[in-house]
Amino acid sequence: MTEAQDLPRVVSASLDIAAPATEIFELIADPAQQPSWEGNDNLAEAADGQRVRQVGDVFVMRLSNGMVRENHVVEFAEGRRIAWRPAEVGRKPPGHLWRWELEPAADGRTHVTHTYDWSQLTDEKRLPRARDTTADRLQASLTRLAERAERR
């Protein structure tokens, strides 16, 4: 096996955030908010008015490299879970997934887990970027998300 084949194809990071799940979820479910806390320096902007409400929603994001992605929501539970599969505009998603899970705690804090799953990724062009998406990068998003949520 090569080193690349040995890499985990599902990476996660978690953090306890001193904010209610509802406030944190708003920052995640509103794509226009995502570039302000995303830790991969991959997201440039998203238009207002795309707040995710259900499975099947699609939101559009411009990446820092100028490319545009349609993000197909495949999991959704208001205030608790959201996941999407990115794709080139008008194309079928190539198989990677971003997931956020929120578990409210009794003390008003929220345990947040961020997962990147590229176990079903079929687009060879995206494999190098997928390999570079480590738990440290996910943790950077969680840290920035916590800073935003805890200031609200």
Protein backbone atom coordinates (compact mmCIF):
# COMPACT_ATOMS: atom_id res chain seq x y z
CA MET A 1 0.00 0.00 0.00
CA THR A 2 1.18 3.51 -0.72
CA GLU A 3 1.22 6.25 1.87
CA ALA A 4 -1.83 7.91 0.25
CA GLN A 5 -3.81 4.67 0.48
CA ASP A 6 -2.99 4.48 4.19
CA LEU A 7 -4.56 7.87 4.94
CA PRO A 8 -7.87 7.81 6.78
CA ARG A 9 -10.68 8.73 4.43
CA VAL A 10 -12.92 9.95 7.23
CA VAL A 11 -11.48 12.62 9.51
CA SER A 12 -13.18 14.32 12.44
CA ALA A 13 -12.55 16.87 15.14
CA SER A 14 -14.67 17.91 18.12
CA LEU A 15 -14.87 20.86 20.47
CA ASP A 16 -17.06 21.98 23.36
CA ILE A 17 -18.29 25.49 22.55
CA ALA A 18 -19.65 27.88 25.19
CA ALA A 19 -22.79 28.75 23.23
CA PRO A 20 -26.22 27.21 22.66
CA ALA A 21 -26.63 24.74 19.81
CA THR A 22 -29.26 26.95 18.14
CA GLU A 23 -26.80 29.86 17.80
CA ILE A 24 -23.97 27.66 16.55
CA PHE A 25 -26.27 25.94 14.06
CA GLU A 26 -27.29 29.31 12.59
CA LEU A 27 -23.64 30.00 11.74
CA ILE A 28 -23.35 26.63 10.00
CA ALA A 29 -26.75 26.45 8.26
CA ASP A 30 -26.41 29.96 6.78
CA PRO A 31 -23.82 29.64 3.98
CA ALA A 32 -23.23 33.42 3.95
CA GLN A 33 -21.75 33.05 7.47
CA GLN A 34 -19.41 30.13 6.68
CA PRO A 35 -16.45 32.05 5.14
CA SER A 36 -16.08 34.06 8.38
CA TRP A 37 -15.16 30.98 10.43
CA GLU A 38 -14.09 28.24 7.97
CA GLY A 39 -10.58 27.01 8.83
CA ASN A 40 -9.46 25.61 5.46
CA ASP A 41 -9.27 29.06 3.84
CA ASN A 42 -11.28 27.49 1.05
CA LEU A 43 -14.52 29.53 1.11
CA ALA A 44 -14.74 33.05 -0.33
CA GLU A 45 -18.43 33.94 -0.24
CA ALA A 46 -22.03 32.83 -0.51
CA ALA A 47 -25.06 34.96 -1.28
CA ASP A 48 -27.48 35.85 1.51
CA GLY A 49 -30.83 34.06 1.63
CA GLN A 50 -29.61 30.47 1.25
CA ARG A 51 -30.21 29.31 4.84
CA VAL A 52 -30.53 25.51 4.76
CA ARG A 53 -33.89 24.16 5.98
CA GLN A 54 -34.07 20.53 4.81
CA VAL A 55 -32.52 17.61 2.99
CA GLY A 56 -32.57 18.36 -0.73
CA ASP A 57 -31.67 22.04 -0.38
CA VAL A 58 -28.76 23.21 -2.53
CA PHE A 59 -26.64 26.23 -1.65
CA VAL A 60 -24.04 27.88 -3.84
CA MET A 61 -20.61 28.94 -2.60
CA ARG A 62 -17.70 30.67 -4.33
CA LEU A 63 -14.36 29.22 -3.29
CA SER A 64 -11.18 31.18 -2.62
CA ASN A 65 -9.76 29.89 -5.91
CA GLY A 66 -12.71 31.46 -7.79
CA MET A 67 -14.52 28.19 -8.52
CA VAL A 68 -18.23 27.87 -7.70
CA ARG A 69 -19.71 24.86 -5.93
CA GLU A 70 -23.26 23.66 -5.45
CA ASN A 71 -23.62 21.99 -2.06
CA HIS A 72 -26.32 19.32 -1.92
CA VAL A 73 -27.75 18.85 1.58
CA VAL A 74 -28.06 15.13 2.34
CA GLU A 75 -28.61 15.14 6.12
CA PHE A 76 -30.54 17.66 8.18
CA ALA A 77 -31.98 17.88 11.69
CA GLU A 78 -32.62 21.48 12.76
CA GLY A 79 -30.17 22.55 15.44
CA ARG A 80 -28.47 19.13 15.58
CA ARG A 81 -27.05 17.85 12.27
CA ILE A 82 -26.29 19.04 8.78
CA ALA A 83 -24.25 17.46 5.98
CA TRP A 84 -23.71 18.28 2.33
CA ARG A 85 -21.95 16.97 -0.74
CA PRO A 86 -20.23 19.61 -2.91
CA ALA A 87 -20.33 19.46 -6.70
CA GLU A 88 -19.38 21.54 -9.70
CA VAL A 89 -22.33 23.60 -10.91
CA GLY A 90 -24.79 21.37 -12.77
CA ARG A 91 -22.82 18.20 -12.04
CA LYS A 92 -23.43 15.22 -9.77
CA PRO A 93 -21.50 15.31 -6.45
CA PRO A 94 -18.28 13.26 -6.78
CA GLY A 95 -18.66 11.60 -3.38
CA HIS A 96 -17.14 13.64 -0.57
CA LEU A 97 -19.17 14.90 2.38
CA TRP A 98 -18.95 17.62 5.05
CA ARG A 99 -20.91 16.94 8.26
CA TRP A 100 -21.62 18.93 11.43
CA GLU A 101 -23.17 17.34 14.54
CA LEU A 102 -24.21 19.36 17.59
CA GLU A 103 -24.98 17.90 21.02
CA PRO A 104 -26.38 20.42 23.53
CA ALA A 105 -25.15 20.09 27.12
CA ALA A 106 -27.04 21.02 30.27
CA ASP A 107 -24.69 23.92 31.05
CA GLY A 108 -25.55 25.81 27.86
CA ARG A 109 -22.45 24.55 26.06
CA THR A 110 -22.55 22.46 22.90
CA HIS A 111 -20.34 19.57 21.85
CA VAL A 112 -19.68 20.06 18.12
CA THR A 113 -18.18 17.43 15.83
CA HIS A 114 -17.01 18.29 12.32
CA THR A 115 -16.35 15.44 9.87
CA TYR A 116 -14.94 15.29 6.36
CA ASP A 117 -15.63 11.96 4.62
CA TRP A 118 -13.95 11.30 1.29
CA SER A 119 -14.32 7.51 1.39
CA GLN A 120 -16.59 7.61 -1.67
CA LEU A 121 -14.74 10.33 -3.60
CA THR A 122 -14.47 9.37 -7.27
CA ASP A 123 -12.91 12.52 -8.79
CA GLU A 124 -9.15 11.94 -9.12
CA LYS A 125 -8.55 15.71 -9.42
CA ARG A 126 -9.91 16.23 -5.90
CA LEU A 127 -7.85 13.53 -4.18
CA PRO A 128 -4.83 15.73 -3.35
CA ARG A 129 -7.07 18.34 -1.68
CA ALA A 130 -8.98 15.60 0.14
CA ARG A 131 -5.73 14.14 1.48
CA ASP A 132 -4.76 17.61 2.74
CA THR A 133 -8.00 17.97 4.71
CA THR A 134 -6.77 16.76 8.07
CA ALA A 135 -8.29 16.77 11.54
CA ASP A 136 -6.12 19.83 12.29
CA ARG A 137 -7.87 21.76 9.52
CA LEU A 138 -11.25 20.69 10.83
CA GLN A 139 -10.16 21.77 14.32
CA ALA A 140 -9.25 25.19 12.91
CA SER A 141 -12.83 25.57 11.65
CA LEU A 142 -14.18 24.53 15.05
CA THR A 143 -11.93 27.03 16.84
CA ARG A 144 -13.00 29.88 14.55
CA LEU A 145 -16.65 28.82 14.84
CA ALA A 146 -16.32 28.87 18.65
CA GLU A 147 -14.83 32.37 18.56
CA ARG A 148 -17.78 33.63 16.48
CA ALA A 149 -20.46 31.82 18.49
CA GLU A 150 -19.06 32.81 21.88
CA ARG A 151 -19.04 36.52 20.88
CA ARG A 152 -22.75 36.55 20.02
